[in-house]
Amino acid sequence: MPDVKECSDGYVPPPRTGPNPFELVDPNVKANLPEGSNVANIFPHGSSFWTQTAQLRTTLPDGTPKFYFLKVAEGENGRGMMRGEFESMSLLYSITPDFVPRPHAWGTYHGLPQFHFFLCDFQWVYHPIIRSCFDHITEINSIHSDMTEELPEIESFTSAVARLHKASLPLSPGKYGFAVPTHMGFTAQDNSWCDTWEEYFRQGMVRMLAREQDVHGPWPELDELCEQLYDRVIPRLLRPLTVLKSITPV
């Protein structure tokens, strides 16, 4: 595991054992870089309970510095996490490329096949702690001198979300769901296609609460509450959206 002192945001991740996925840049990651790229270095960046993350610094054939964000997860569940993130972000990028980092690839390590990866452009966010780690790199200071530590301006952010929804309407199959499972943390989401938002929301809650029971064991009081949630609360809150036709899948 990388030294926690190397994490860019000062957060101490959970202890991990086993090989370090960032000791070297795996050949299957390199294979997804532009031809002629030169790998300068890789080091841990940020932290996560479910994955390990790093910044990959390269130089393009014309000498331009190029930075990537590399996320790695372990095991079959980790493979699903990386695939789901790549597929969902690829769709978002195809619709609103100025709203998310450009995704490049997902796959499995060649040298350490228990690890699976997701690779995208590195998105710079100006934070004093993070920026201080790169003050010695003149290319970064010149390229990203306009970075700000302010939160996104609310109107431009919400306008971008609205633009995403409107632009995706022609691509919608008319149902709620997604082609592959995505993950919330370590837990796979049930993205099976549904005709109504009520049905889709319900199946998501069923998956989450079943996972809760798998981890912590049965709890009769919770089971009783779940029954009321599924049969009374969700229909009462969400069915009017379908009846009144006030919601459209995108």
C-alpha atoms as a PDB file:
ATOM      1  CA  MET A   1       0.000   0.000   0.000  1.00  0.00           C
ATOM      2  CA  PRO A   2       1.251   3.530  -0.744  1.00  0.00           C
ATOM      3  CA  ASP A   3       2.472   5.564   2.208  1.00  0.00           C
ATOM      4  CA  VAL A   4      -0.531   7.472   3.564  1.00  0.00           C
ATOM      5  CA  LYS A   5       1.681  10.556   3.874  1.00  0.00           C
ATOM      6  CA  GLU A   6       1.791  10.695   0.093  1.00  0.00           C
ATOM      7  CA  CYS A   7      -1.979  11.184  -0.209  1.00  0.00           C
ATOM      8  CA  SER A   8      -2.613  14.629  -1.633  1.00  0.00           C
ATOM      9  CA  ASP A   9      -5.544  15.637   0.546  1.00  0.00           C
ATOM     10  CA  GLY A  10      -4.168  14.604   3.923  1.00  0.00           C
ATOM     11  CA  TYR A  11      -6.899  12.003   4.457  1.00  0.00           C
ATOM     12  CA  VAL A  12      -5.756   8.704   5.920  1.00  0.00           C
ATOM     13  CA  PRO A  13      -7.271   5.826   3.908  1.00  0.00           C
ATOM     14  CA  PRO A  14      -8.137   2.464   5.429  1.00  0.00           C
ATOM     15  CA  PRO A  15      -5.207   0.079   5.875  1.00  0.00           C
ATOM     16  CA  ARG A  16      -4.511  -2.184   2.924  1.00  0.00           C
ATOM     17  CA  THR A  17      -2.190  -5.109   2.492  1.00  0.00           C
ATOM     18  CA  GLY A  18      -0.789  -6.760  -0.584  1.00  0.00           C
ATOM     19  CA  PRO A  19       0.957  -5.416  -3.674  1.00  0.00           C
ATOM     20  CA  ASN A  20       1.044  -1.733  -4.554  1.00  0.00           C
ATOM     21  CA  PRO A  21      -0.790  -1.164  -7.875  1.00  0.00           C
ATOM     22  CA  PHE A  22       1.126   2.080  -8.387  1.00  0.00           C
ATOM     23  CA  GLU A  23       4.654   0.781  -7.966  1.00  0.00           C
ATOM     24  CA  LEU A  24       4.870   0.648 -11.767  1.00  0.00           C
ATOM     25  CA  VAL A  25       2.556   1.662 -14.588  1.00  0.00           C
ATOM     26  CA  ASP A  26       0.948  -1.551 -15.793  1.00  0.00           C
ATOM     27  CA  PRO A  27       1.366  -2.416 -19.508  1.00  0.00           C
ATOM     28  CA  ASN A  28      -2.410  -2.540 -20.007  1.00  0.00           C
ATOM     29  CA  VAL A  29      -2.665   1.030 -18.719  1.00  0.00           C
ATOM     30  CA  LYS A  30       0.204   2.165 -20.953  1.00  0.00           C
ATOM     31  CA  ALA A  31      -1.507   0.552 -23.945  1.00  0.00           C
ATOM     32  CA  ASN A  32      -4.362   3.060 -23.610  1.00  0.00           C
ATOM     33  CA  LEU A  33      -2.130   6.140 -23.714  1.00  0.00           C
ATOM     34  CA  PRO A  34      -1.613   8.041 -26.986  1.00  0.00           C
ATOM     35  CA  GLU A  35       1.056   6.440 -29.137  1.00  0.00           C
ATOM     36  CA  GLY A  36       4.472   7.846 -28.381  1.00  0.00           C
ATOM     37  CA  SER A  37       3.589   9.012 -24.860  1.00  0.00           C
ATOM     38  CA  ASN A  38       6.389   9.025 -22.337  1.00  0.00           C
ATOM     39  CA  VAL A  39       5.463   8.074 -18.761  1.00  0.00           C
ATOM     40  CA  ALA A  40       7.165  10.421 -16.307  1.00  0.00           C
ATOM     41  CA  ASN A  41       5.832   9.134 -12.980  1.00  0.00           C
ATOM     42  CA  ILE A  42       2.828   7.884 -11.037  1.00  0.00           C
ATOM     43  CA  PHE A  43       1.962   8.559  -7.428  1.00  0.00           C
ATOM     44  CA  PRO A  44      -1.056   8.211  -5.101  1.00  0.00           C
ATOM     45  CA  HIS A  45      -3.514  11.083  -5.311  1.00  0.00           C
ATOM     46  CA  GLY A  46      -6.590  11.388  -3.120  1.00  0.00           C
ATOM     47  CA  SER A  47      -8.011   8.477  -1.190  1.00  0.00           C
ATOM     48  CA  SER A  48     -10.966   6.146  -1.127  1.00  0.00           C
ATOM     49  CA  PHE A  49     -12.431   3.408   1.022  1.00  0.00           C
ATOM     50  CA  TRP A  50     -13.210   1.169  -1.942  1.00  0.00           C
ATOM     51  CA  THR A  51     -10.507   1.978  -4.491  1.00  0.00           C
ATOM     52  CA  GLN A  52      -6.953   3.241  -4.791  1.00  0.00           C
ATOM     53  CA  THR A  53      -6.341   6.363  -6.861  1.00  0.00           C
ATOM     54  CA  ALA A  54      -3.325   7.973  -8.452  1.00  0.00           C
ATOM     55  CA  GLN A  55      -2.153  10.711 -10.785  1.00  0.00           C
ATOM     56  CA  LEU A  56      -0.297   9.544 -13.866  1.00  0.00           C
ATOM     57  CA  ARG A  57       2.034  12.139 -15.372  1.00  0.00           C
ATOM     58  CA  THR A  58       3.068  11.714 -18.992  1.00  0.00           C
ATOM     59  CA  THR A  59       4.518  13.712 -21.845  1.00  0.00           C
ATOM     60  CA  LEU A  60       2.997  13.636 -25.327  1.00  0.00           C
ATOM     61  CA  PRO A  61       5.248  13.188 -28.386  1.00  0.00           C
ATOM     62  CA  ASP A  62       5.307  16.961 -28.970  1.00  0.00           C
ATOM     63  CA  GLY A  63       6.549  17.555 -25.419  1.00  0.00           C
ATOM     64  CA  THR A  64       3.209  18.673 -23.963  1.00  0.00           C
ATOM     65  CA  PRO A  65       2.644  17.444 -20.387  1.00  0.00           C
ATOM     66  CA  LYS A  66      -0.469  15.284 -20.038  1.00  0.00           C
ATOM     67  CA  PHE A  67      -1.980  14.127 -16.732  1.00  0.00           C
ATOM     68  CA  TYR A  68      -4.368  11.242 -16.098  1.00  0.00           C
ATOM     69  CA  PHE A  69      -6.444  10.061 -13.157  1.00  0.00           C
ATOM     70  CA  LEU A  70      -6.084   6.330 -12.514  1.00  0.00           C
ATOM     71  CA  LYS A  71      -8.493   4.438 -10.272  1.00  0.00           C
ATOM     72  CA  VAL A  72      -7.871   0.826  -9.273  1.00  0.00           C
ATOM     73  CA  ALA A  73     -10.113  -1.711  -7.526  1.00  0.00           C
ATOM     74  CA  GLU A  74      -9.587  -5.329  -6.606  1.00  0.00           C
ATOM     75  CA  GLY A  75     -11.586  -8.503  -7.289  1.00  0.00           C
ATOM     76  CA  GLU A  76     -14.674  -9.238  -9.356  1.00  0.00           C
ATOM     77  CA  ASN A  77     -16.712  -6.531  -7.638  1.00  0.00           C
ATOM     78  CA  GLY A  78     -13.916  -4.081  -8.375  1.00  0.00           C
ATOM     79  CA  ARG A  79     -14.062  -5.083 -12.027  1.00  0.00           C
ATOM     80  CA  GLY A  80     -17.753  -4.186 -12.098  1.00  0.00           C
ATOM     81  CA  MET A  81     -17.029  -0.862 -10.417  1.00  0.00           C
ATOM     82  CA  MET A  82     -14.475   0.107 -13.060  1.00  0.00           C
ATOM     83  CA  ARG A  83     -16.649  -1.000 -15.946  1.00  0.00           C
ATOM     84  CA  GLY A  84     -19.694   0.817 -14.617  1.00  0.00           C
ATOM     85  CA  GLU A  85     -17.771   4.052 -14.091  1.00  0.00           C
ATOM     86  CA  PHE A  86     -16.268   3.928 -17.569  1.00  0.00           C
ATOM     87  CA  GLU A  87     -19.556   3.165 -19.334  1.00  0.00           C
ATOM     88  CA  SER A  88     -21.543   5.795 -17.451  1.00  0.00           C
ATOM     89  CA  MET A  89     -18.891   8.508 -17.758  1.00  0.00           C
ATOM     90  CA  SER A  90     -18.427   7.736 -21.459  1.00  0.00           C
ATOM     91  CA  LEU A  91     -22.105   8.380 -22.026  1.00  0.00           C
ATOM     92  CA  LEU A  92     -21.998  11.610 -20.021  1.00  0.00           C
ATOM     93  CA  TYR A  93     -18.916  12.768 -21.923  1.00  0.00           C
ATOM     94  CA  SER A  94     -20.522  12.011 -25.288  1.00  0.00           C
ATOM     95  CA  ILE A  95     -23.421  14.317 -24.402  1.00  0.00           C
ATOM     96  CA  THR A  96     -21.727  17.105 -22.415  1.00  0.00           C
ATOM     97  CA  PRO A  97     -17.934  16.863 -22.867  1.00  0.00           C
ATOM     98  CA  ASP A  98     -17.339  20.044 -20.878  1.00  0.00           C
ATOM     99  CA  PHE A  99     -19.062  18.630 -17.790  1.00  0.00           C
ATOM    100  CA  VAL A 100     -17.010  15.524 -16.916  1.00  0.00           C
ATOM    101  CA  PRO A 101     -13.384  14.446 -17.454  1.00  0.00           C
ATOM    102  CA  ARG A 102     -12.732  12.549 -20.665  1.00  0.00           C
ATOM    103  CA  PRO A 103     -12.726   8.777 -19.968  1.00  0.00           C
ATOM    104  CA  HIS A 104     -10.102   6.769 -21.819  1.00  0.00           C
ATOM    105  CA  ALA A 105     -10.286   3.127 -20.800  1.00  0.00           C
ATOM    106  CA  TRP A 106     -11.064   0.480 -18.260  1.00  0.00           C
ATOM    107  CA  GLY A 107      -9.560  -2.967 -17.985  1.00  0.00           C
ATOM    108  CA  THR A 108      -7.526  -5.441 -15.978  1.00  0.00           C
ATOM    109  CA  TYR A 109      -3.889  -5.218 -14.996  1.00  0.00           C
ATOM    110  CA  HIS A 110      -1.530  -7.507 -16.875  1.00  0.00           C
ATOM    111  CA  GLY A 111       1.036  -7.900 -14.099  1.00  0.00           C
ATOM    112  CA  LEU A 112      -1.433  -7.996 -11.197  1.00  0.00           C
ATOM    113  CA  PRO A 113      -4.645  -9.468 -12.676  1.00  0.00           C
ATOM    114  CA  GLN A 114      -6.539  -9.124  -9.385  1.00  0.00           C
ATOM    115  CA  PHE A 115      -6.564  -5.357 -10.043  1.00  0.00           C
ATOM    116  CA  HIS A 116      -8.888  -3.584 -12.444  1.00  0.00           C
ATOM    117  CA  PHE A 117      -8.531   0.039 -13.557  1.00  0.00           C
ATOM    118  CA  PHE A 118     -10.367   3.084 -14.847  1.00  0.00           C
ATOM    119  CA  LEU A 119      -8.415   5.810 -16.659  1.00  0.00           C
ATOM    120  CA  CYS A 120      -9.585   9.336 -17.433  1.00  0.00           C
ATOM    121  CA  ASP A 121      -8.199  12.848 -17.819  1.00  0.00           C
ATOM    122  CA  PHE A 122      -6.981  14.415 -14.605  1.00  0.00           C
ATOM    123  CA  GLN A 123      -9.343  17.216 -13.578  1.00  0.00           C
ATOM    124  CA  TRP A 124      -7.532  19.993 -11.788  1.00  0.00           C
ATOM    125  CA  VAL A 125      -9.207  21.493  -8.734  1.00  0.00           C
ATOM    126  CA  TYR A 126      -7.378  24.266  -6.977  1.00  0.00           C
ATOM    127  CA  HIS A 127      -7.120  23.502  -3.295  1.00  0.00           C
ATOM    128  CA  PRO A 128      -4.279  25.039  -1.225  1.00  0.00           C
ATOM    129  CA  ILE A 129      -3.121  21.658   0.114  1.00  0.00           C
ATOM    130  CA  ILE A 130      -3.230  19.995  -3.296  1.00  0.00           C
ATOM    131  CA  ARG A 131      -1.642  22.929  -5.113  1.00  0.00           C
ATOM    132  CA  SER A 132       1.243  23.079  -2.647  1.00  0.00           C
ATOM    133  CA  CYS A 133       2.210  19.548  -3.691  1.00  0.00           C
ATOM    134  CA  PHE A 134       2.820  20.751  -7.253  1.00  0.00           C
ATOM    135  CA  ASP A 135       4.338  24.202  -6.755  1.00  0.00           C
ATOM    136  CA  HIS A 136       7.703  22.900  -7.930  1.00  0.00           C
ATOM    137  CA  ILE A 137       6.330  21.795 -11.311  1.00  0.00           C
ATOM    138  CA  THR A 138       6.494  24.857 -13.550  1.00  0.00           C
ATOM    139  CA  GLU A 139       4.400  23.330 -16.356  1.00  0.00           C
ATOM    140  CA  ILE A 140       1.458  22.917 -13.974  1.00  0.00           C
ATOM    141  CA  ASN A 141       1.726  26.443 -12.639  1.00  0.00           C
ATOM    142  CA  SER A 142       1.710  27.895 -16.144  1.00  0.00           C
ATOM    143  CA  ILE A 143      -1.038  25.676 -17.561  1.00  0.00           C
ATOM    144  CA  HIS A 144      -3.373  25.889 -14.579  1.00  0.00           C
ATOM    145  CA  SER A 145      -2.721  29.422 -13.316  1.00  0.00           C
ATOM    146  CA  ASP A 146      -6.431  30.220 -13.689  1.00  0.00           C
ATOM    147  CA  MET A 147      -7.593  27.573 -11.219  1.00  0.00           C
ATOM    148  CA  THR A 148      -9.757  28.713  -8.341  1.00  0.00           C
ATOM    149  CA  GLU A 149     -10.549  27.265  -4.969  1.00  0.00           C
ATOM    150  CA  GLU A 150     -14.123  28.573  -5.090  1.00  0.00           C
ATOM    151  CA  LEU A 151     -17.091  26.210  -5.357  1.00  0.00           C
ATOM    152  CA  PRO A 152     -18.763  26.028  -8.786  1.00  0.00           C
ATOM    153  CA  GLU A 153     -21.092  28.932  -9.441  1.00  0.00           C
ATOM    154  CA  ILE A 154     -24.579  27.573  -8.748  1.00  0.00           C
ATOM    155  CA  GLU A 155     -26.317  28.884 -11.867  1.00  0.00           C
ATOM    156  CA  SER A 156     -23.688  27.620 -14.306  1.00  0.00           C
ATOM    157  CA  PHE A 157     -23.572  24.245 -12.559  1.00  0.00           C
ATOM    158  CA  THR A 158     -27.324  23.677 -12.555  1.00  0.00           C
ATOM    159  CA  SER A 159     -27.532  24.954 -16.144  1.00  0.00           C
ATOM    160  CA  ALA A 160     -25.015  22.300 -17.140  1.00  0.00           C
ATOM    161  CA  VAL A 161     -27.112  19.615 -15.429  1.00  0.00           C
ATOM    162  CA  ALA A 162     -30.212  20.837 -17.265  1.00  0.00           C
ATOM    163  CA  ARG A 163     -28.303  20.857 -20.560  1.00  0.00           C
ATOM    164  CA  LEU A 164     -27.217  17.274 -19.919  1.00  0.00           C
ATOM    165  CA  HIS A 165     -30.802  16.141 -19.334  1.00  0.00           C
ATOM    166  CA  LYS A 166     -32.154  17.913 -22.414  1.00  0.00           C
ATOM    167  CA  ALA A 167     -29.384  16.689 -24.692  1.00  0.00           C
ATOM    168  CA  SER A 168     -29.824  13.086 -23.567  1.00  0.00           C
ATOM    169  CA  LEU A 169     -33.561  12.931 -24.328  1.00  0.00           C
ATOM    170  CA  PRO A 170     -33.118  11.757 -27.951  1.00  0.00           C
ATOM    171  CA  LEU A 171     -30.907   8.897 -26.686  1.00  0.00           C
ATOM    172  CA  SER A 172     -33.366   7.684 -24.082  1.00  0.00           C
ATOM    173  CA  PRO A 173     -34.919   4.248 -24.632  1.00  0.00           C
ATOM    174  CA  GLY A 174     -38.015   5.515 -22.815  1.00  0.00           C
ATOM    175  CA  LYS A 175     -37.247   3.511 -19.696  1.00  0.00           C
ATOM    176  CA  TYR A 176     -35.441   4.069 -16.411  1.00  0.00           C
ATOM    177  CA  GLY A 177     -32.177   2.220 -15.909  1.00  0.00           C
ATOM    178  CA  PHE A 178     -28.772   1.732 -17.460  1.00  0.00           C
ATOM    179  CA  ALA A 179     -27.118  -0.858 -19.666  1.00  0.00           C
ATOM    180  CA  VAL A 180     -24.656  -2.064 -17.003  1.00  0.00           C
ATOM    181  CA  PRO A 181     -24.611  -2.037 -13.195  1.00  0.00           C
ATOM    182  CA  THR A 182     -23.038   0.976 -11.555  1.00  0.00           C
ATOM    183  CA  HIS A 183     -21.870   1.155  -7.959  1.00  0.00           C
ATOM    184  CA  MET A 184     -22.537   3.313  -4.939  1.00  0.00           C
ATOM    185  CA  GLY A 185     -19.359   2.814  -3.017  1.00  0.00           C
ATOM    186  CA  PHE A 186     -18.784  -0.935  -2.895  1.00  0.00           C
ATOM    187  CA  THR A 187     -22.403  -1.870  -3.605  1.00  0.00           C
ATOM    188  CA  ALA A 188     -23.634  -2.698  -7.103  1.00  0.00           C
ATOM    189  CA  GLN A 189     -26.841  -0.920  -8.100  1.00  0.00           C
ATOM    190  CA  ASP A 190     -29.715  -2.728  -9.780  1.00  0.00           C
ATOM    191  CA  ASN A 191     -30.033  -0.767 -13.033  1.00  0.00           C
ATOM    192  CA  SER A 192     -32.463  -3.152 -14.735  1.00  0.00           C
ATOM    193  CA  TRP A 193     -34.727  -1.266 -17.128  1.00  0.00           C
ATOM    194  CA  CYS A 194     -38.111  -0.212 -15.703  1.00  0.00           C
ATOM    195  CA  ASP A 195     -41.136   1.507 -17.192  1.00  0.00           C
ATOM    196  CA  THR A 196     -41.702   3.901 -14.269  1.00  0.00           C
ATOM    197  CA  TRP A 197     -39.562   5.806 -11.799  1.00  0.00           C
ATOM    198  CA  GLU A 198     -41.535   4.231  -8.968  1.00  0.00           C
ATOM    199  CA  GLU A 199     -40.562   0.750 -10.128  1.00  0.00           C
ATOM    200  CA  TYR A 200     -36.925   1.705 -10.629  1.00  0.00           C
ATOM    201  CA  PHE A 201     -36.609   3.441  -7.256  1.00  0.00           C
ATOM    202  CA  ARG A 202     -38.239   0.495  -5.511  1.00  0.00           C
ATOM    203  CA  GLN A 203     -35.888  -2.070  -7.006  1.00  0.00           C
ATOM    204  CA  GLY A 204     -32.935   0.074  -5.974  1.00  0.00           C
ATOM    205  CA  MET A 205     -34.141   0.242  -2.388  1.00  0.00           C
ATOM    206  CA  VAL A 206     -34.785  -3.504  -2.341  1.00  0.00           C
ATOM    207  CA  ARG A 207     -31.182  -4.121  -3.466  1.00  0.00           C
ATOM    208  CA  MET A 208     -29.718  -1.726  -0.873  1.00  0.00           C
ATOM    209  CA  LEU A 209     -31.730  -3.045   2.069  1.00  0.00           C
ATOM    210  CA  ALA A 210     -31.067  -6.652   1.086  1.00  0.00           C
ATOM    211  CA  ARG A 211     -27.374  -5.801   1.145  1.00  0.00           C
ATOM    212  CA  GLU A 212     -27.849  -4.301   4.603  1.00  0.00           C
ATOM    213  CA  GLN A 213     -29.364  -7.552   5.823  1.00  0.00           C
ATOM    214  CA  ASP A 214     -26.604  -9.630   4.226  1.00  0.00           C
ATOM    215  CA  VAL A 215     -23.990  -7.640   6.125  1.00  0.00           C
ATOM    216  CA  HIS A 216     -25.684  -7.130   9.491  1.00  0.00           C
ATOM    217  CA  GLY A 217     -28.131 -10.012   9.663  1.00  0.00           C
ATOM    218  CA  PRO A 218     -31.954 -10.060   9.959  1.00  0.00           C
ATOM    219  CA  TRP A 219     -33.762  -7.385  11.925  1.00  0.00           C
ATOM    220  CA  PRO A 220     -37.544  -7.964  12.266  1.00  0.00           C
ATOM    221  CA  GLU A 221     -38.291  -4.323  13.041  1.00  0.00           C
ATOM    222  CA  LEU A 222     -36.496  -3.186   9.888  1.00  0.00           C
ATOM    223  CA  ASP A 223     -38.301  -5.842   7.847  1.00  0.00           C
ATOM    224  CA  GLU A 224     -41.626  -4.428   9.002  1.00  0.00           C
ATOM    225  CA  LEU A 225     -40.582  -0.898   8.091  1.00  0.00           C
ATOM    226  CA  CYS A 226     -39.353  -2.048   4.680  1.00  0.00           C
ATOM    227  CA  GLU A 227     -42.716  -3.594   3.923  1.00  0.00           C
ATOM    228  CA  GLN A 228     -44.417  -0.270   4.625  1.00  0.00           C
ATOM    229  CA  LEU A 229     -41.796   1.566   2.571  1.00  0.00           C
ATOM    230  CA  TYR A 230     -42.312  -0.663  -0.462  1.00  0.00           C
ATOM    231  CA  ASP A 231     -46.082  -0.988  -0.317  1.00  0.00           C
ATOM    232  CA  ARG A 232     -47.172   2.413   0.976  1.00  0.00           C
ATOM    233  CA  VAL A 233     -44.538   5.147   1.070  1.00  0.00           C
ATOM    234  CA  ILE A 234     -42.919   4.723  -2.341  1.00  0.00           C
ATOM    235  CA  PRO A 235     -46.214   4.376  -4.285  1.00  0.00           C
ATOM    236  CA  ARG A 236     -47.722   7.373  -2.498  1.00  0.00           C
ATOM    237  CA  LEU A 237     -44.737   9.601  -3.199  1.00  0.00           C
ATOM    238  CA  LEU A 238     -43.715   8.507  -6.687  1.00  0.00           C
ATOM    239  CA  ARG A 239     -46.759   7.100  -8.468  1.00  0.00           C
ATOM    240  CA  PRO A 240     -48.252  10.573  -9.077  1.00  0.00           C
ATOM    241  CA  LEU A 241     -45.188  11.383 -11.191  1.00  0.00           C
ATOM    242  CA  THR A 242     -46.260   8.660 -13.617  1.00  0.00           C
ATOM    243  CA  VAL A 243     -49.990   9.287 -13.440  1.00  0.00           C
ATOM    244  CA  LEU A 244     -49.532  13.010 -14.073  1.00  0.00           C
ATOM    245  CA  LYS A 245     -46.830  12.367 -16.685  1.00  0.00           C
ATOM    246  CA  SER A 246     -44.590  14.920 -15.000  1.00  0.00           C
ATOM    247  CA  ILE A 247     -41.358  12.961 -15.321  1.00  0.00           C
ATOM    248  CA  THR A 248     -39.540  11.620 -18.376  1.00  0.00           C
ATOM    249  CA  PRO A 249     -36.627   9.164 -18.482  1.00  0.00           C
ATOM    250  CA  VAL A 250     -33.390  10.561 -19.917  1.00  0.00           C
END
